[in-house]
Amino acid sequence: MSFGKRLTEARKKKSLSQQAVAKSLGTMAPVIGRYERDEAKPSIEVAAKLASLLEVSLDYLVGNSDVEVDISTLNRVLQLQQLPQEDKTTVFKLVDAFLRDYKAKQAYS
């Protein structure tokens, strides 16, 4: 999927108009329209602002990842990385148990 399509999709998920996005960036709606139609590419700084505004990762927006990670999940992962190794291991065991249980429920429902 192209940058423009990802941008359009993310903007619509947030229920934002091109005008609202443009205003937040200090530009005009036609500029956002050109980005969405893949007629123009934003600078890295503008792309980062768009990702932040739309609460998606820059990697997702530019197509480096197909996983759309919301900002709150990303922030949790970043905080998790700062934990001591022993605490990370405990958290991963808990997450693994929840995932295992979820998959089991899915398989039997």
C-alpha atoms as a PDB file:
ATOM      1  CA  MET A   1       0.000   0.000   0.000  1.00  0.00           C
ATOM      2  CA  SER A   2       1.318   3.438  -0.881  1.00  0.00           C
ATOM      3  CA  PHE A   3       2.101   6.285   1.511  1.00  0.00           C
ATOM      4  CA  GLY A   4      -0.926   8.190   0.229  1.00  0.00           C
ATOM      5  CA  LYS A   5      -3.322   5.299   0.795  1.00  0.00           C
ATOM      6  CA  ARG A   6      -1.946   4.667   4.287  1.00  0.00           C
ATOM      7  CA  LEU A   7      -2.226   8.374   5.082  1.00  0.00           C
ATOM      8  CA  THR A   8      -5.831   8.496   3.846  1.00  0.00           C
ATOM      9  CA  GLU A   9      -6.748   5.365   5.794  1.00  0.00           C
ATOM     10  CA  ALA A  10      -5.142   6.600   9.021  1.00  0.00           C
ATOM     11  CA  ARG A  11      -6.741  10.051   8.665  1.00  0.00           C
ATOM     12  CA  LYS A  12     -10.198   8.576   8.135  1.00  0.00           C
ATOM     13  CA  LYS A  13      -9.795   6.211  11.099  1.00  0.00           C
ATOM     14  CA  LYS A  14      -9.223   9.283  13.262  1.00  0.00           C
ATOM     15  CA  SER A  15     -12.261  10.976  11.643  1.00  0.00           C
ATOM     16  CA  LEU A  16     -10.139  13.941  10.594  1.00  0.00           C
ATOM     17  CA  SER A  17     -10.670  16.035   7.490  1.00  0.00           C
ATOM     18  CA  GLN A  18      -7.813  17.044   5.217  1.00  0.00           C
ATOM     19  CA  GLN A  19      -8.435  20.586   6.445  1.00  0.00           C
ATOM     20  CA  ALA A  20      -8.027  19.570  10.095  1.00  0.00           C
ATOM     21  CA  VAL A  21      -4.791  17.716   9.344  1.00  0.00           C
ATOM     22  CA  ALA A  22      -3.484  20.646   7.315  1.00  0.00           C
ATOM     23  CA  LYS A  23      -4.305  23.097  10.096  1.00  0.00           C
ATOM     24  CA  SER A  24      -2.422  20.960  12.631  1.00  0.00           C
ATOM     25  CA  LEU A  25       0.611  20.975  10.337  1.00  0.00           C
ATOM     26  CA  GLY A  26       0.384  24.652   9.477  1.00  0.00           C
ATOM     27  CA  THR A  27      -0.311  24.031   5.799  1.00  0.00           C
ATOM     28  CA  MET A  28      -3.321  23.904   3.461  1.00  0.00           C
ATOM     29  CA  ALA A  29      -5.726  21.051   2.688  1.00  0.00           C
ATOM     30  CA  PRO A  30      -4.686  20.762  -0.986  1.00  0.00           C
ATOM     31  CA  VAL A  31      -1.187  19.802   0.198  1.00  0.00           C
ATOM     32  CA  ILE A  32      -2.639  16.920   2.214  1.00  0.00           C
ATOM     33  CA  GLY A  33      -4.696  15.945  -0.837  1.00  0.00           C
ATOM     34  CA  ARG A  34      -1.542  15.760  -2.965  1.00  0.00           C
ATOM     35  CA  TYR A  35       0.097  13.542  -0.328  1.00  0.00           C
ATOM     36  CA  GLU A  36      -2.945  11.273  -0.294  1.00  0.00           C
ATOM     37  CA  ARG A  37      -2.992  11.002  -4.089  1.00  0.00           C
ATOM     38  CA  ASP A  38       0.756  10.247  -4.084  1.00  0.00           C
ATOM     39  CA  GLU A  39       1.413  13.329  -6.205  1.00  0.00           C
ATOM     40  CA  ALA A  40       3.861  14.679  -3.629  1.00  0.00           C
ATOM     41  CA  LYS A  41       5.881  13.278  -0.752  1.00  0.00           C
ATOM     42  CA  PRO A  42       6.300  15.101   2.551  1.00  0.00           C
ATOM     43  CA  SER A  43       9.674  15.784   4.112  1.00  0.00           C
ATOM     44  CA  ILE A  44      10.715  13.368   6.842  1.00  0.00           C
ATOM     45  CA  GLU A  45       9.847  16.013   9.417  1.00  0.00           C
ATOM     46  CA  VAL A  46       6.324  16.443   8.041  1.00  0.00           C
ATOM     47  CA  ALA A  47       5.855  12.663   7.742  1.00  0.00           C
ATOM     48  CA  ALA A  48       6.868  12.301  11.402  1.00  0.00           C
ATOM     49  CA  LYS A  49       4.351  14.993  12.390  1.00  0.00           C
ATOM     50  CA  LEU A  50       1.654  13.236  10.376  1.00  0.00           C
ATOM     51  CA  ALA A  51       2.424   9.918  12.073  1.00  0.00           C
ATOM     52  CA  SER A  52       2.276  11.556  15.488  1.00  0.00           C
ATOM     53  CA  LEU A  53      -0.963  13.382  14.713  1.00  0.00           C
ATOM     54  CA  LEU A  54      -2.590  10.213  13.375  1.00  0.00           C
ATOM     55  CA  GLU A  55      -1.148   8.101  16.200  1.00  0.00           C
ATOM     56  CA  VAL A  56       0.535   5.552  13.950  1.00  0.00           C
ATOM     57  CA  SER A  57       4.184   4.667  13.636  1.00  0.00           C
ATOM     58  CA  LEU A  58       6.241   6.364  10.979  1.00  0.00           C
ATOM     59  CA  ASP A  59       7.318   2.902   9.791  1.00  0.00           C
ATOM     60  CA  TYR A  60       3.689   2.014   9.125  1.00  0.00           C
ATOM     61  CA  LEU A  61       2.938   5.288   7.380  1.00  0.00           C
ATOM     62  CA  VAL A  62       5.899   5.064   4.988  1.00  0.00           C
ATOM     63  CA  GLY A  63       5.361   1.373   4.268  1.00  0.00           C
ATOM     64  CA  ASN A  64       8.293  -0.145   6.158  1.00  0.00           C
ATOM     65  CA  SER A  65       5.855  -2.180   8.239  1.00  0.00           C
ATOM     66  CA  ASP A  66       2.395  -3.568   7.610  1.00  0.00           C
ATOM     67  CA  VAL A  67       1.737  -3.699  11.323  1.00  0.00           C
ATOM     68  CA  GLU A  68      -0.241  -0.682  12.409  1.00  0.00           C
ATOM     69  CA  VAL A  69       0.975  -0.102  15.950  1.00  0.00           C
ATOM     70  CA  ASP A  70      -0.936   2.540  17.834  1.00  0.00           C
ATOM     71  CA  ILE A  71       1.035   5.045  19.876  1.00  0.00           C
ATOM     72  CA  SER A  72      -0.119   3.757  23.276  1.00  0.00           C
ATOM     73  CA  THR A  73       1.109   0.235  22.446  1.00  0.00           C
ATOM     74  CA  LEU A  74       4.369   1.593  21.097  1.00  0.00           C
ATOM     75  CA  ASN A  75       4.897   3.642  24.260  1.00  0.00           C
ATOM     76  CA  ARG A  76       4.313   0.555  26.386  1.00  0.00           C
ATOM     77  CA  VAL A  77       6.874  -1.395  24.397  1.00  0.00           C
ATOM     78  CA  LEU A  78       9.384   1.418  24.830  1.00  0.00           C
ATOM     79  CA  GLN A  79       8.765   1.467  28.576  1.00  0.00           C
ATOM     80  CA  LEU A  80       9.093  -2.306  28.699  1.00  0.00           C
ATOM     81  CA  GLN A  81      12.518  -2.081  27.081  1.00  0.00           C
ATOM     82  CA  GLN A  82      13.708   0.041  29.998  1.00  0.00           C
ATOM     83  CA  LEU A  83      12.843  -2.580  32.622  1.00  0.00           C
ATOM     84  CA  PRO A  84      15.533  -4.748  34.190  1.00  0.00           C
ATOM     85  CA  GLN A  85      15.908  -8.099  32.403  1.00  0.00           C
ATOM     86  CA  GLU A  86      14.309 -10.061  35.255  1.00  0.00           C
ATOM     87  CA  ASP A  87      11.178  -7.883  35.120  1.00  0.00           C
ATOM     88  CA  LYS A  88      11.034  -8.138  31.315  1.00  0.00           C
ATOM     89  CA  THR A  89      11.163 -11.924  31.592  1.00  0.00           C
ATOM     90  CA  THR A  90       8.230 -11.885  34.034  1.00  0.00           C
ATOM     91  CA  VAL A  91       6.190  -9.601  31.776  1.00  0.00           C
ATOM     92  CA  PHE A  92       6.904 -11.790  28.721  1.00  0.00           C
ATOM     93  CA  LYS A  93       5.801 -14.914  30.624  1.00  0.00           C
ATOM     94  CA  LEU A  94       2.507 -13.212  31.485  1.00  0.00           C
ATOM     95  CA  VAL A  95       1.975 -12.034  27.916  1.00  0.00           C
ATOM     96  CA  ASP A  96       2.799 -15.509  26.579  1.00  0.00           C
ATOM     97  CA  ALA A  97       0.241 -17.045  28.957  1.00  0.00           C
ATOM     98  CA  PHE A  98      -2.470 -14.604  27.852  1.00  0.00           C
ATOM     99  CA  LEU A  99      -1.691 -15.210  24.183  1.00  0.00           C
ATOM    100  CA  ARG A 100      -1.720 -18.989  24.669  1.00  0.00           C
ATOM    101  CA  ASP A 101      -5.099 -18.784  26.428  1.00  0.00           C
ATOM    102  CA  TYR A 102      -6.509 -16.506  23.742  1.00  0.00           C
ATOM    103  CA  LYS A 103      -5.417 -18.876  20.973  1.00  0.00           C
ATOM    104  CA  ALA A 104      -6.929 -21.828  22.844  1.00  0.00           C
ATOM    105  CA  LYS A 105     -10.242 -19.984  23.211  1.00  0.00           C
ATOM    106  CA  GLN A 106     -10.200 -19.159  19.500  1.00  0.00           C
ATOM    107  CA  ALA A 107      -9.491 -22.758  18.564  1.00  0.00           C
ATOM    108  CA  TYR A 108     -12.360 -24.117  20.636  1.00  0.00           C
ATOM    109  CA  SER A 109     -15.032 -21.523  19.926  1.00  0.00           C
END
